Structure formats: structure tokens, C-alpha cells
Amino acid sequence: MQELKILYLYPDILELYGDFGNIQVLKYRLEKRGINAIIDSYSIGDESPDFCSYDLIFAGGGADQEQSILAKDLIKYKENIQEAINNGIFFLLICGAYQLFGKYYKDVNGDIIPGLEIFDYYTEAINDRKKRCIGNIVIDVTLDNIKTKVIGFENHGGQTFNITNPFGQVIVGNGNKFGDTEEGFFLENVIATYLHGPLLSKNPDLTDFIIKYCLEKKYNQNINLEPLDDTFENLCRKQLIDKFCSSNK
């Protein structure tokens, strides 16, 4: 039986707007295909993980206070995380986790939370706590040379700059900063995004893109995923996309 090992980082700290749902969706779509999902979690005080021993690393969103707490712990694993990324391990990073993999996050008080500096982007919060990029969001992305729409929910005061490889182009919503045309950060084995919701429950094609990548890397062969019946999911997606896009006109 095929299997994938998934590491869920800081589930007790980084879990805003249903981010745990991403783990549930991955597990569901793997097991529907007869693929075993091994899911481990790591948080402060746990035994140190070896990031390179996993197929997929997931981390969700958190507020400024949570980020400042775990940033001091996460930095201990910078070299191991960099090695895992260099080795092609897939990382899915949502909101706060997205920010922490950049150079730094400057909060509303002007205090700097150091990032891992894995990537060159950085994030600075707006001084006005009430001013946030918030609401439903739709972006155009390209996965395996196929264009598709990805939908989610954004809620962030941080404005992320110096993005060289965006995840997608904004159709509805703000993206990396107020009124931006770009959302998130994307490399072959890294998706970093502000989209909550949870992200994967609303985007089965994206989930399968990640699963396919991880299986092909693990088993060093081309993988054709068994199709699942996504009729209901796709009907819901169409309704949401139509609603979000029409309200943006």
C-alpha cells in the first residue's frame, strides 16, 4: 500500500478559520484512493522532528501573539527546514506560517518578529488595527500547466512585499496587500498563501496537485490519481465563484 507522511506544525497555535480542515481533506482524499495517511504533529516542547523524513509539511495561520511565541521555537529548525525544501519536500503554508518563512514580520507596534529567511519576501502590518484585507477571495493559478481558479477567505493586516513567484493572480479580493494583483508565493514544492477557509476543502484540484506531487517524488514514478466523484464539490465551487465574482462587479 502506498502512503504519505504528513507533519502538522503547531496545531495548538496555528489553527485559524478551520485550517485543520486541510489535514482532514488530505487524509480523506488519500484514503478514498487506498493510500495510507500518516499524520504526525509537532508543537513547542515536543520531540524534535526531522523535516526531511516527511512527504508534506503543513502549517496554518495565527495572530501576532502566536507568531511571536512560536517564531523562537521554529528558528531552531531553520537548517533542517531549508534542507527539506532543497530536497523537494512539499510545504503548504497558510497566513501566519506564510509570513514566518520570509525575512521578518513587523507588527502593528513596529516590533519585528524575525522570520526564517528561507525566502526573500517580508511582511509589515498596517498601523491601523481595524484596517485589514478581509473577505472572500478568488485567484487564477496554474497547476501542471492547467489554469484553474482557487477560492478561499483572507483576513490579514500584514502586507507582504518582494514576492518573486506569486501563487496566483487576484480576480476578487486583495491578495498579498491591499488592492494587489498577486496572491501568495509559489515554488515547485512550496505553496504559501493567505487563503483560509479551509483552503483545500474548496479546491479539490489543488489538493490532488499536492498529493500527486508528493507521491511522484516519494515513489519516483509518474502517478495517475484515481478520479474521485467531485460533482457536489464542483457545484459548490461554481456557486461560490459566481457569487464572489458577481458581487465584485
Protein backbone atom coordinates (compact mmCIF):
# COMPACT_ATOMS: atom_id res chain seq x y z
CA MET A 1 0.00 0.00 0.00
CA GLN A 2 1.25 3.48 -0.84
CA GLU A 3 1.49 6.02 1.97
CA LEU A 4 2.32 9.66 2.61
CA LYS A 5 3.79 11.06 5.82
CA ILE A 6 2.40 14.46 6.79
CA LEU A 7 3.75 16.74 9.53
CA TYR A 8 1.30 19.26 11.01
CA LEU A 9 3.22 22.10 12.67
CA TYR A 10 1.89 23.79 15.83
CA PRO A 11 -1.74 22.60 15.57
CA ASP A 12 -2.44 24.11 19.01
CA ILE A 13 -1.13 27.55 17.97
CA LEU A 14 -1.60 27.91 14.20
CA GLU A 15 -5.22 26.99 13.58
CA LEU A 16 -7.35 29.92 12.39
CA TYR A 17 -10.51 29.73 10.28
CA GLY A 18 -10.59 25.95 10.01
CA ASP A 19 -7.00 25.36 8.90
CA PHE A 20 -7.11 21.86 10.45
CA GLY A 21 -9.64 21.09 7.73
CA ASN A 22 -6.76 20.99 5.26
CA ILE A 23 -5.33 17.97 7.08
CA GLN A 24 -8.76 16.32 7.13
CA VAL A 25 -9.23 16.85 3.39
CA LEU A 26 -5.78 15.46 2.56
CA LYS A 27 -6.46 12.39 4.71
CA TYR A 28 -9.91 11.87 3.15
CA ARG A 29 -8.72 12.10 -0.46
CA LEU A 30 -5.75 9.85 0.22
CA GLU A 31 -7.77 7.16 1.97
CA LYS A 32 -10.54 7.21 -0.67
CA ARG A 33 -7.79 6.08 -3.06
CA GLY A 34 -6.44 3.41 -0.73
CA ILE A 35 -3.38 5.46 0.21
CA ASN A 36 -2.38 5.43 3.86
CA ALA A 37 -2.08 8.85 5.52
CA ILE A 38 0.40 9.01 8.39
CA ILE A 39 -0.16 12.29 10.23
CA ASP A 40 2.21 13.50 12.92
CA SER A 41 2.04 16.79 14.78
CA TYR A 42 4.71 18.95 16.33
CA SER A 43 4.43 21.82 18.79
CA ILE A 44 6.62 23.56 21.35
CA GLY A 45 8.12 21.08 23.80
CA ASP A 46 7.66 18.02 21.59
CA GLU A 47 10.49 15.81 20.40
CA SER A 48 12.35 17.49 17.53
CA PRO A 49 11.08 16.36 14.13
CA ASP A 50 13.23 15.50 11.11
CA PHE A 51 11.56 17.53 8.38
CA CYS A 52 13.37 15.55 5.69
CA SER A 53 11.61 12.34 6.77
CA TYR A 54 8.20 13.64 5.70
CA ASP A 55 6.47 13.98 2.34
CA LEU A 56 4.37 17.03 3.22
CA ILE A 57 4.72 19.75 5.86
CA PHE A 58 1.65 21.82 6.77
CA ALA A 59 1.37 24.91 8.96
CA GLY A 60 -1.66 27.15 9.38
CA GLY A 61 -2.44 30.70 10.46
CA GLY A 62 -2.08 32.53 13.74
CA ALA A 63 -2.32 36.03 15.18
CA ASP A 64 0.67 38.25 16.01
CA GLN A 65 0.99 36.97 19.58
CA GLU A 66 1.05 33.33 18.50
CA GLN A 67 3.61 34.07 15.79
CA SER A 68 5.97 35.79 18.24
CA ILE A 69 5.75 32.79 20.58
CA LEU A 70 6.48 30.07 18.06
CA ALA A 71 8.98 32.03 15.94
CA LYS A 72 11.62 31.47 18.65
CA ASP A 73 10.97 27.74 18.52
CA LEU A 74 10.76 27.43 14.74
CA ILE A 75 14.12 29.12 14.19
CA LYS A 76 15.81 26.10 15.82
CA TYR A 77 14.88 24.07 12.76
CA LYS A 78 15.93 26.54 10.08
CA GLU A 79 18.72 24.38 8.64
CA ASN A 80 16.58 21.23 8.65
CA ILE A 81 13.68 23.10 7.02
CA GLN A 82 15.97 24.56 4.36
CA GLU A 83 17.36 21.08 3.69
CA ALA A 84 13.85 19.65 3.36
CA ILE A 85 12.84 22.37 0.89
CA ASN A 86 16.04 21.83 -1.10
CA ASN A 87 15.26 18.09 -1.15
CA GLY A 88 11.83 18.73 -2.65
CA ILE A 89 9.66 18.07 0.42
CA PHE A 90 6.31 19.82 -0.14
CA PHE A 91 5.36 22.71 2.17
CA LEU A 92 1.84 24.15 2.43
CA LEU A 93 1.92 27.35 4.49
CA ILE A 94 -1.16 29.38 5.41
CA CYS A 95 -1.21 33.03 6.52
CA GLY A 96 0.95 33.31 9.66
CA ALA A 97 3.12 30.40 8.60
CA TYR A 98 3.48 32.01 5.17
CA GLN A 99 4.82 35.17 6.83
CA LEU A 100 7.26 33.33 9.11
CA PHE A 101 9.10 31.73 6.20
CA GLY A 102 10.07 35.19 4.92
CA LYS A 103 12.64 37.66 6.23
CA TYR A 104 10.52 39.16 9.00
CA TYR A 105 7.10 40.27 10.17
CA LYS A 106 6.69 43.80 11.55
CA ASP A 107 3.61 44.01 13.76
CA VAL A 108 1.29 46.98 14.33
CA ASN A 109 3.51 48.26 17.14
CA GLY A 110 6.57 48.26 14.92
CA ASP A 111 8.09 45.26 16.69
CA ILE A 112 9.98 42.85 14.46
CA ILE A 113 9.30 39.12 14.58
CA PRO A 114 12.28 37.51 12.82
CA GLY A 115 11.39 35.06 10.07
CA LEU A 116 13.27 32.00 8.95
CA GLU A 117 14.63 33.96 5.96
CA ILE A 118 14.07 30.92 3.77
CA PHE A 119 12.56 33.26 1.17
CA ASP A 120 13.20 36.93 0.38
CA TYR A 121 9.70 38.34 0.94
CA TYR A 122 8.80 40.25 4.12
CA THR A 123 5.60 41.40 5.81
CA GLU A 124 4.65 44.64 7.55
CA ALA A 125 1.36 45.29 9.31
CA ILE A 126 -0.76 48.39 8.80
CA ASN A 127 -0.67 50.70 11.84
CA ASP A 128 -4.46 50.80 11.98
CA ARG A 129 -5.61 47.54 13.59
CA LYS A 130 -9.06 47.94 12.04
CA LYS A 131 -7.72 48.08 8.51
CA ARG A 132 -7.38 44.55 7.17
CA CYS A 133 -7.51 42.60 3.93
CA ILE A 134 -10.62 40.62 4.74
CA GLY A 135 -13.24 38.75 2.78
CA ASN A 136 -13.72 36.10 0.14
CA ILE A 137 -11.01 35.80 -2.48
CA VAL A 138 -10.69 34.18 -5.90
CA ILE A 139 -7.38 33.79 -7.72
CA ASP A 140 -6.25 32.34 -11.05
CA VAL A 141 -3.49 29.77 -10.67
CA THR A 142 -1.67 27.39 -12.99
CA LEU A 143 -1.16 23.82 -11.78
CA ASP A 144 0.65 21.35 -14.05
CA ASN A 145 0.22 23.82 -16.92
CA ILE A 146 -3.55 23.88 -16.38
CA LYS A 147 -5.26 27.11 -15.36
CA THR A 148 -7.83 26.89 -12.59
CA LYS A 149 -9.48 29.12 -10.03
CA VAL A 150 -8.68 28.81 -6.34
CA ILE A 151 -11.08 30.24 -3.77
CA GLY A 152 -10.77 30.97 -0.07
CA PHE A 153 -11.11 33.54 2.69
CA GLU A 154 -8.48 36.12 3.62
CA ASN A 155 -8.13 38.05 6.88
CA HIS A 156 -4.76 39.70 7.38
CA GLY A 157 -3.43 43.09 8.38
CA GLY A 158 0.06 42.19 7.23
CA GLN A 159 1.13 43.38 3.81
CA THR A 160 3.65 41.09 2.11
CA PHE A 161 6.25 42.58 -0.24
CA ASN A 162 9.02 41.42 -2.58
CA ILE A 163 7.18 38.40 -4.00
CA THR A 164 9.02 36.99 -6.99
CA ASN A 165 6.84 33.93 -7.66
CA PRO A 166 3.17 34.54 -6.78
CA PHE A 167 0.78 31.66 -6.21
CA GLY A 168 -1.90 33.28 -8.33
CA GLN A 169 -3.41 36.38 -9.92
CA VAL A 170 -6.21 38.06 -7.98
CA ILE A 171 -9.69 38.14 -9.53
CA VAL A 172 -11.62 39.01 -6.37
CA GLY A 173 -10.08 40.20 -3.10
CA ASN A 174 -6.81 41.81 -2.09
CA GLY A 175 -4.03 39.24 -2.17
CA ASN A 176 -0.61 39.92 -0.67
CA LYS A 177 -1.52 43.51 0.16
CA PHE A 178 -4.36 45.97 -0.31
CA GLY A 179 -5.53 46.02 -3.93
CA ASP A 180 -2.73 43.73 -5.10
CA THR A 181 -2.90 41.78 -8.36
CA GLU A 182 -0.89 38.90 -6.89
CA GLU A 183 -1.55 36.43 -4.08
CA GLY A 184 0.76 34.13 -2.20
CA PHE A 185 4.11 32.60 -3.05
CA PHE A 186 4.67 29.51 -5.19
CA LEU A 187 7.62 27.29 -5.99
CA GLU A 188 7.56 23.74 -7.30
CA ASN A 189 7.28 22.32 -3.80
CA VAL A 190 6.08 25.33 -1.77
CA ILE A 191 2.66 26.98 -1.67
CA ALA A 192 2.41 29.88 0.76
CA THR A 193 -0.90 31.74 0.79
CA TYR A 194 -3.30 33.88 2.81
CA LEU A 195 -6.27 31.71 1.81
CA HIS A 196 -8.10 30.14 4.75
CA GLY A 197 -11.44 28.52 4.62
CA PRO A 198 -10.08 25.79 4.84
CA LEU A 199 -8.30 26.15 1.52
CA LEU A 200 -8.27 22.53 0.37
CA SER A 201 -11.93 21.73 1.06
CA LYS A 202 -12.93 24.34 -1.53
CA ASN A 203 -10.30 23.34 -4.08
CA PRO A 204 -10.10 19.58 -4.77
CA ASP A 205 -7.91 20.08 -7.85
CA LEU A 206 -5.33 21.87 -5.70
CA THR A 207 -5.44 19.07 -3.13
CA ASP A 208 -4.83 16.47 -5.83
CA PHE A 209 -2.00 18.54 -7.30
CA ILE A 210 -0.24 18.39 -3.92
CA ILE A 211 -0.97 14.68 -3.44
CA LYS A 212 0.28 13.83 -6.93
CA TYR A 213 3.49 15.79 -6.42
CA CYS A 214 4.21 14.08 -3.10
CA LEU A 215 3.52 10.58 -4.42
CA GLU A 216 5.64 11.08 -7.54
CA LYS A 217 8.54 12.34 -5.50
CA LYS A 218 8.27 9.58 -2.90
CA TYR A 219 7.96 6.71 -5.38
CA ASN A 220 9.96 8.23 -8.24
CA GLN A 221 7.36 7.42 -10.87
CA ASN A 222 4.53 9.04 -12.79
CA ILE A 223 1.29 8.83 -10.82
CA ASN A 224 -2.20 8.91 -12.28
CA LEU A 225 -4.54 9.56 -9.39
CA GLU A 226 -7.78 7.64 -9.35
CA PRO A 227 -10.54 10.20 -10.07
CA LEU A 228 -12.93 10.91 -7.22
CA ASP A 229 -16.53 11.99 -7.60
CA ASP A 230 -16.28 15.74 -7.03
CA THR A 231 -19.66 16.59 -8.53
CA PHE A 232 -21.00 18.11 -5.32
CA GLU A 233 -17.76 19.97 -4.57
CA ASN A 234 -17.62 21.42 -8.06
CA LEU A 235 -21.25 22.55 -7.92
CA CYS A 236 -20.48 24.35 -4.65
CA ARG A 237 -17.35 25.87 -6.19
CA LYS A 238 -19.30 27.16 -9.18
CA GLN A 239 -21.89 28.79 -6.95
CA LEU A 240 -19.23 30.43 -4.79
CA ILE A 241 -17.15 31.65 -7.73
CA ASP A 242 -20.22 33.05 -9.49
CA LYS A 243 -21.37 34.76 -6.29
CA PHE A 244 -17.97 36.23 -5.39
CA CYS A 245 -17.25 37.44 -8.91
CA SER A 246 -20.70 38.97 -9.45
CA SER A 247 -20.54 40.85 -6.14
CA ASN A 248 -17.19 42.30 -7.20
CA LYS A 249 -18.60 43.98 -10.31
